[in-house]
Amino acid sequence: MTTSTPKRLWKNEYFQTAITIVVVLVLVFGFWFGSQVILNSQYPALAVASGSMCVPYGQRCNGWTHPFEHTLHVGDLIIVQGVNPTDINAAPKPAGDIVVYRPMDGDTLIVHRAIEKVVDNNGNVSFVIQGDANSGPDNGGRPIPSSRLIGKVILRIPWVGHLALFMRNSSGLLIIVALIVILVIVEFVVPSFTKSKQRPVPKESVENTEAAT
């Protein structure tokens, strides 16, 4: 391989596009796994999918009408940090920490407020948890063991989570796939077709044609 080969390869549009895609993927996955390490959480960022934490104040509880209230709305992006259960502040709304946990009967993550901390004789910590908009505590009022906790919410970003919720929808996934296909066509197929039509005639062929005439 000559020294000019790497230069030609680097100037190739397909190679540049492939490198760009690889860099973007590395940044995205690096940010995700880095966030897991920094925040000590398996799920450092989540989208709120229900309105069980939002108490309407005479308006729809959708995050668009009063997005900066001290609560959670559908479509919020929440940042979750893993913490020691003893550091979680459990108190009635709005003072208690909002936590993410797995229910006793499933794996679906739930985001509600810790309203009471329970410590048994062996020092095991558990929490009574309730959604702000719910009439009663989760799990029938029985405490949730701290082993089921994922972490507590340390930051709420309004609206951004709608994109993640949209992608979870089947129609949303189809639209994302369609956009990727269109991007590939525009980036690869169209330029190749255009270049093949505009390919210049070699100079030698032109000279041979003129000589024949």
Protein backbone atom coordinates (compact mmCIF):
# COMPACT_ATOMS: atom_id res chain seq x y z
CA MET A 1 0.00 0.00 0.00
CA THR A 2 1.47 3.34 -1.04
CA THR A 3 1.40 6.44 1.14
CA SER A 4 -1.18 8.03 -1.17
CA THR A 5 -3.69 5.22 -0.58
CA PRO A 6 -4.73 6.34 2.96
CA LYS A 7 -5.16 9.90 1.67
CA ARG A 8 -7.41 8.72 -1.16
CA LEU A 9 -9.34 6.56 1.29
CA TRP A 10 -9.85 9.48 3.68
CA LYS A 11 -11.15 11.67 0.84
CA ASN A 12 -13.68 9.00 -0.15
CA GLU A 13 -17.20 10.20 0.70
CA TYR A 14 -18.42 6.73 1.70
CA PHE A 15 -15.48 6.30 4.06
CA GLN A 16 -16.11 9.71 5.63
CA THR A 17 -19.79 8.87 6.12
CA ALA A 18 -18.95 5.52 7.71
CA ILE A 19 -16.47 7.20 10.08
CA THR A 20 -19.08 9.81 11.03
CA ILE A 21 -21.65 7.10 11.85
CA VAL A 22 -19.11 5.20 13.95
CA VAL A 23 -18.13 8.36 15.86
CA VAL A 24 -21.79 9.21 16.58
CA LEU A 25 -22.48 5.66 17.82
CA VAL A 26 -19.38 5.73 20.03
CA LEU A 27 -20.42 9.08 21.52
CA VAL A 28 -24.00 7.95 22.15
CA PHE A 29 -23.10 4.61 23.76
CA GLY A 30 -20.15 6.16 25.58
CA PHE A 31 -22.41 8.83 27.06
CA TRP A 32 -25.00 6.23 28.11
CA PHE A 33 -22.57 3.82 29.77
CA GLY A 34 -20.59 6.71 31.23
CA SER A 35 -23.79 8.09 32.77
CA GLN A 36 -24.50 4.69 34.31
CA VAL A 37 -21.12 4.74 36.02
CA ILE A 38 -21.25 8.38 37.12
CA LEU A 39 -24.84 8.23 38.43
CA ASN A 40 -24.48 4.70 39.82
CA SER A 41 -27.72 3.72 38.10
CA GLN A 42 -28.67 1.11 35.52
CA TYR A 43 -31.23 3.57 34.17
CA PRO A 44 -29.68 7.06 34.36
CA ALA A 45 -32.35 8.62 32.15
CA LEU A 46 -36.02 7.71 31.74
CA ALA A 47 -39.12 9.17 30.13
CA VAL A 48 -42.26 9.62 32.24
CA ALA A 49 -45.08 7.66 30.59
CA SER A 50 -48.01 8.26 32.95
CA GLY A 51 -49.65 11.11 34.85
CA SER A 52 -49.74 9.39 38.24
CA MET A 53 -47.29 11.93 39.69
CA CYS A 54 -49.07 15.03 38.46
CA VAL A 55 -51.81 16.75 40.44
CA PRO A 56 -53.82 18.99 38.09
CA TYR A 57 -54.36 22.54 39.27
CA GLY A 58 -57.57 23.12 37.35
CA GLN A 59 -55.82 22.27 34.08
CA ARG A 60 -54.78 19.23 32.11
CA CYS A 61 -51.82 17.46 33.65
CA ASN A 62 -49.84 16.97 30.46
CA GLY A 63 -46.62 18.90 30.99
CA TRP A 64 -47.50 21.58 28.45
CA THR A 65 -49.90 23.62 30.58
CA HIS A 66 -47.73 24.02 33.68
CA PRO A 67 -44.45 22.24 32.92
CA PHE A 68 -42.32 23.78 35.65
CA GLU A 69 -44.40 22.79 38.67
CA HIS A 70 -42.68 20.70 41.33
CA THR A 71 -44.01 17.39 40.01
CA LEU A 72 -43.70 15.05 37.03
CA HIS A 73 -45.60 15.14 33.75
CA VAL A 74 -46.01 12.76 30.85
CA GLY A 75 -43.11 13.38 28.47
CA ASP A 76 -40.66 14.59 31.11
CA LEU A 77 -37.12 13.27 30.90
CA ILE A 78 -35.88 12.38 34.38
CA ILE A 79 -32.29 11.84 35.51
CA VAL A 80 -31.99 9.02 38.05
CA GLN A 81 -29.15 8.59 40.54
CA GLY A 82 -28.47 5.45 42.55
CA VAL A 83 -28.19 6.34 46.25
CA ASN A 84 -27.96 4.65 49.61
CA PRO A 85 -31.55 3.94 50.80
CA THR A 86 -30.78 5.63 54.12
CA ASP A 87 -30.14 8.89 52.21
CA ILE A 88 -33.62 8.96 50.69
CA ASN A 89 -35.91 11.54 52.25
CA ALA A 90 -39.35 10.02 52.76
CA ALA A 91 -42.16 12.49 53.46
CA PRO A 92 -45.61 13.42 52.10
CA LYS A 93 -45.72 15.50 48.91
CA PRO A 94 -44.02 17.65 47.92
CA ALA A 95 -41.15 17.13 50.40
CA GLY A 96 -40.34 13.44 49.85
CA ASP A 97 -37.87 12.27 47.23
CA ILE A 98 -39.27 10.90 43.98
CA VAL A 99 -37.88 7.40 43.45
CA VAL A 100 -37.80 4.81 40.67
CA TYR A 101 -38.48 1.21 41.65
CA ARG A 102 -39.58 -2.20 40.39
CA PRO A 103 -42.94 -3.34 41.80
CA MET A 104 -43.19 -6.59 43.73
CA ASP A 105 -45.23 -8.25 40.98
CA GLY A 106 -43.41 -7.14 37.82
CA ASP A 107 -40.44 -5.51 36.11
CA THR A 108 -42.09 -2.33 34.82
CA LEU A 109 -40.35 0.68 36.34
CA ILE A 110 -42.54 2.99 38.43
CA VAL A 111 -41.74 6.59 39.34
CA HIS A 112 -43.51 7.69 42.54
CA ARG A 113 -42.75 9.55 45.77
CA ALA A 114 -41.37 7.97 48.94
CA ILE A 115 -43.79 9.15 51.62
CA GLU A 116 -42.62 7.05 54.58
CA LYS A 117 -39.45 5.19 55.58
CA VAL A 118 -39.75 1.95 57.54
CA VAL A 119 -36.82 0.32 59.36
CA ASP A 120 -37.31 -3.12 60.92
CA ASN A 121 -35.52 -4.63 63.93
CA ASN A 122 -32.74 -5.95 61.68
CA GLY A 123 -32.05 -2.53 60.19
CA ASN A 124 -33.61 -3.34 56.82
CA VAL A 125 -35.02 -0.24 55.12
CA SER A 126 -38.23 -0.17 53.12
CA PHE A 127 -40.49 2.59 51.86
CA VAL A 128 -44.16 3.37 51.57
CA ILE A 129 -44.47 4.83 48.07
CA GLN A 130 -47.33 6.69 46.41
CA GLY A 131 -48.02 8.65 43.24
CA ASP A 132 -48.98 12.25 43.95
CA ALA A 133 -52.17 11.89 41.92
CA ASN A 134 -53.14 8.49 43.36
CA SER A 135 -55.67 8.05 46.14
CA GLY A 136 -53.57 5.52 48.08
CA PRO A 137 -50.05 4.09 48.41
CA ASP A 138 -48.59 1.54 46.01
CA ASN A 139 -48.53 -2.18 46.84
CA GLY A 140 -51.69 -1.87 48.92
CA GLY A 141 -49.90 0.31 51.45
CA ARG A 142 -47.28 -2.34 52.21
CA PRO A 143 -43.69 -1.06 52.27
CA ILE A 144 -41.46 -1.64 49.25
CA PRO A 145 -38.06 -3.17 50.13
CA SER A 146 -35.09 -0.96 49.32
CA SER A 147 -33.72 -3.80 47.16
CA ARG A 148 -36.43 -2.95 44.61
CA LEU A 149 -35.28 0.67 44.29
CA ILE A 150 -33.40 1.81 41.19
CA GLY A 151 -32.59 5.30 42.48
CA LYS A 152 -34.05 8.72 43.07
CA VAL A 153 -34.91 11.48 40.61
CA ILE A 154 -32.39 14.34 40.80
CA LEU A 155 -33.40 16.30 37.70
CA ARG A 156 -36.47 16.79 35.54
CA ILE A 157 -36.30 18.09 31.96
CA PRO A 158 -39.75 19.02 30.57
CA TRP A 159 -40.94 17.75 27.16
CA VAL A 160 -37.70 16.02 26.05
CA GLY A 161 -39.02 12.59 27.02
CA HIS A 162 -41.76 12.82 24.38
CA LEU A 163 -39.21 11.75 21.75
CA ALA A 164 -38.44 8.53 23.65
CA LEU A 165 -42.17 7.84 24.13
CA PHE A 166 -42.75 8.48 20.43
CA MET A 167 -40.07 5.97 19.48
CA ARG A 168 -41.67 3.35 21.73
CA ASN A 169 -44.83 3.61 19.66
CA SER A 170 -44.98 1.26 16.64
CA SER A 171 -45.81 4.10 14.25
CA GLY A 172 -42.98 6.14 15.72
CA LEU A 173 -40.51 3.33 15.05
CA LEU A 174 -41.73 3.06 11.46
CA ILE A 175 -41.16 6.77 10.94
CA ILE A 176 -37.65 6.56 12.40
CA VAL A 177 -36.81 3.58 10.15
CA ALA A 178 -38.22 5.43 7.13
CA LEU A 179 -36.07 8.47 7.92
CA ILE A 180 -32.97 6.28 8.16
CA VAL A 181 -33.74 4.65 4.80
CA ILE A 182 -34.27 8.06 3.20
CA LEU A 183 -30.99 9.29 4.68
CA VAL A 184 -29.11 6.30 3.26
CA ILE A 185 -30.68 6.85 -0.18
CA VAL A 186 -29.85 10.55 -0.18
CA GLU A 187 -26.32 9.96 1.12
CA PHE A 188 -25.31 6.99 -1.03
CA VAL A 189 -27.66 6.14 -3.90
CA VAL A 190 -28.43 9.61 -5.26
CA PRO A 191 -24.78 10.81 -5.38
CA SER A 192 -23.70 7.58 -7.10
CA PHE A 193 -26.45 7.89 -9.71
CA THR A 194 -25.65 11.55 -10.33
CA LYS A 195 -21.93 10.91 -10.72
CA SER A 196 -22.51 8.08 -13.17
CA LYS A 197 -24.59 10.38 -15.39
CA GLN A 198 -22.08 13.23 -15.20
CA ARG A 199 -18.98 11.08 -15.66
CA PRO A 200 -16.65 13.02 -18.04
CA VAL A 201 -15.49 11.47 -21.31
CA PRO A 202 -11.77 10.50 -21.15
CA LYS A 203 -9.49 12.94 -22.97
CA GLU A 204 -7.92 10.19 -25.06
CA SER A 205 -11.33 9.11 -26.38
CA VAL A 206 -12.06 12.69 -27.47
CA GLU A 207 -8.69 12.96 -29.26
CA ASN A 208 -9.24 9.63 -31.03
CA THR A 209 -12.66 10.78 -32.19
CA GLU A 210 -11.25 14.03 -33.58
CA ALA A 211 -8.45 12.18 -35.37
CA ALA A 212 -10.92 9.80 -37.00
CA THR A 213 -12.90 12.72 -38.40
